[in-house]
Amino acid sequence: MTMARLKVTQVRSEIGAKHNQRESLRSLGLKRINDVVVKEDRPEIRGMIFAVNHLVKVEEVE
């Protein structure tokens, strides 16, 4: 059984975002608008996504 994976796309700029939100984007590996990363669906990843959910789009991939 494999873990679900999340495709995270940055859709808005980090300019004007709070410091912790910028750090969450960095930790996710997102540097600019339209950057895409695929991450394992784990609680710590979900937490980072929750902190920046207004800046990113999330899709589940297999």
Protein backbone atom coordinates (compact mmCIF):
# COMPACT_ATOMS: atom_id res chain seq x y z
CA MET A 1 0.00 0.00 0.00
CA THR A 2 1.50 3.33 -1.05
CA MET A 3 0.86 6.65 0.58
CA ALA A 4 -1.24 9.22 -1.22
CA ARG A 5 0.69 12.04 -2.81
CA LEU A 6 -0.22 15.71 -3.05
CA LYS A 7 0.59 17.93 -6.02
CA VAL A 8 1.11 21.45 -4.69
CA THR A 9 1.20 24.39 -7.11
CA GLN A 10 2.04 27.94 -6.03
CA VAL A 11 -0.61 30.20 -7.58
CA ARG A 12 0.00 33.49 -5.72
CA SER A 13 3.09 35.48 -4.80
CA GLU A 14 4.71 35.24 -1.37
CA ILE A 15 5.22 39.02 -1.41
CA GLY A 16 3.32 40.48 1.53
CA ALA A 17 2.91 37.10 3.21
CA LYS A 18 3.92 36.57 6.84
CA HIS A 19 7.38 35.22 7.60
CA ASN A 20 6.12 31.78 8.69
CA GLN A 21 4.11 31.48 5.46
CA ARG A 22 7.19 32.31 3.37
CA GLU A 23 9.15 29.71 5.32
CA SER A 24 6.42 27.12 4.70
CA LEU A 25 6.59 27.77 0.95
CA ARG A 26 10.38 27.40 1.08
CA SER A 27 10.11 24.15 3.05
CA LEU A 28 7.66 22.79 0.51
CA GLY A 29 10.18 23.61 -2.22
CA LEU A 30 8.16 26.37 -3.89
CA LYS A 31 10.13 29.38 -5.10
CA ARG A 32 7.94 31.15 -7.64
CA ILE A 33 4.43 31.28 -9.08
CA ASN A 34 3.53 28.13 -11.06
CA ASP A 35 6.19 26.03 -9.31
CA VAL A 36 4.89 22.50 -8.75
CA VAL A 37 6.05 19.92 -6.20
CA VAL A 38 4.69 16.47 -5.38
CA LYS A 39 4.87 15.55 -1.70
CA GLU A 40 3.82 12.58 0.41
CA ASP A 41 0.52 13.13 2.23
CA ARG A 42 1.84 13.40 5.79
CA PRO A 43 0.61 15.49 8.73
CA GLU A 44 3.63 17.83 8.68
CA ILE A 45 3.16 18.50 4.95
CA ARG A 46 -0.57 19.08 5.50
CA GLY A 47 0.30 21.61 8.22
CA MET A 48 2.60 23.56 5.90
CA ILE A 49 -0.06 23.52 3.18
CA PHE A 50 -2.69 24.71 5.67
CA ALA A 51 -0.47 27.69 6.58
CA VAL A 52 -0.29 28.80 2.93
CA ASN A 53 -3.58 27.47 1.55
CA HIS A 54 -4.43 30.91 0.12
CA LEU A 55 -1.20 30.89 -1.94
CA VAL A 56 -1.30 27.34 -3.32
CA LYS A 57 -3.53 24.89 -5.16
CA VAL A 58 -3.51 21.27 -3.96
CA GLU A 59 -4.49 18.16 -5.93
CA GLU A 60 -4.26 14.52 -4.96
CA VAL A 61 -2.28 12.33 -7.36
CA GLU A 62 -1.64 8.60 -7.28
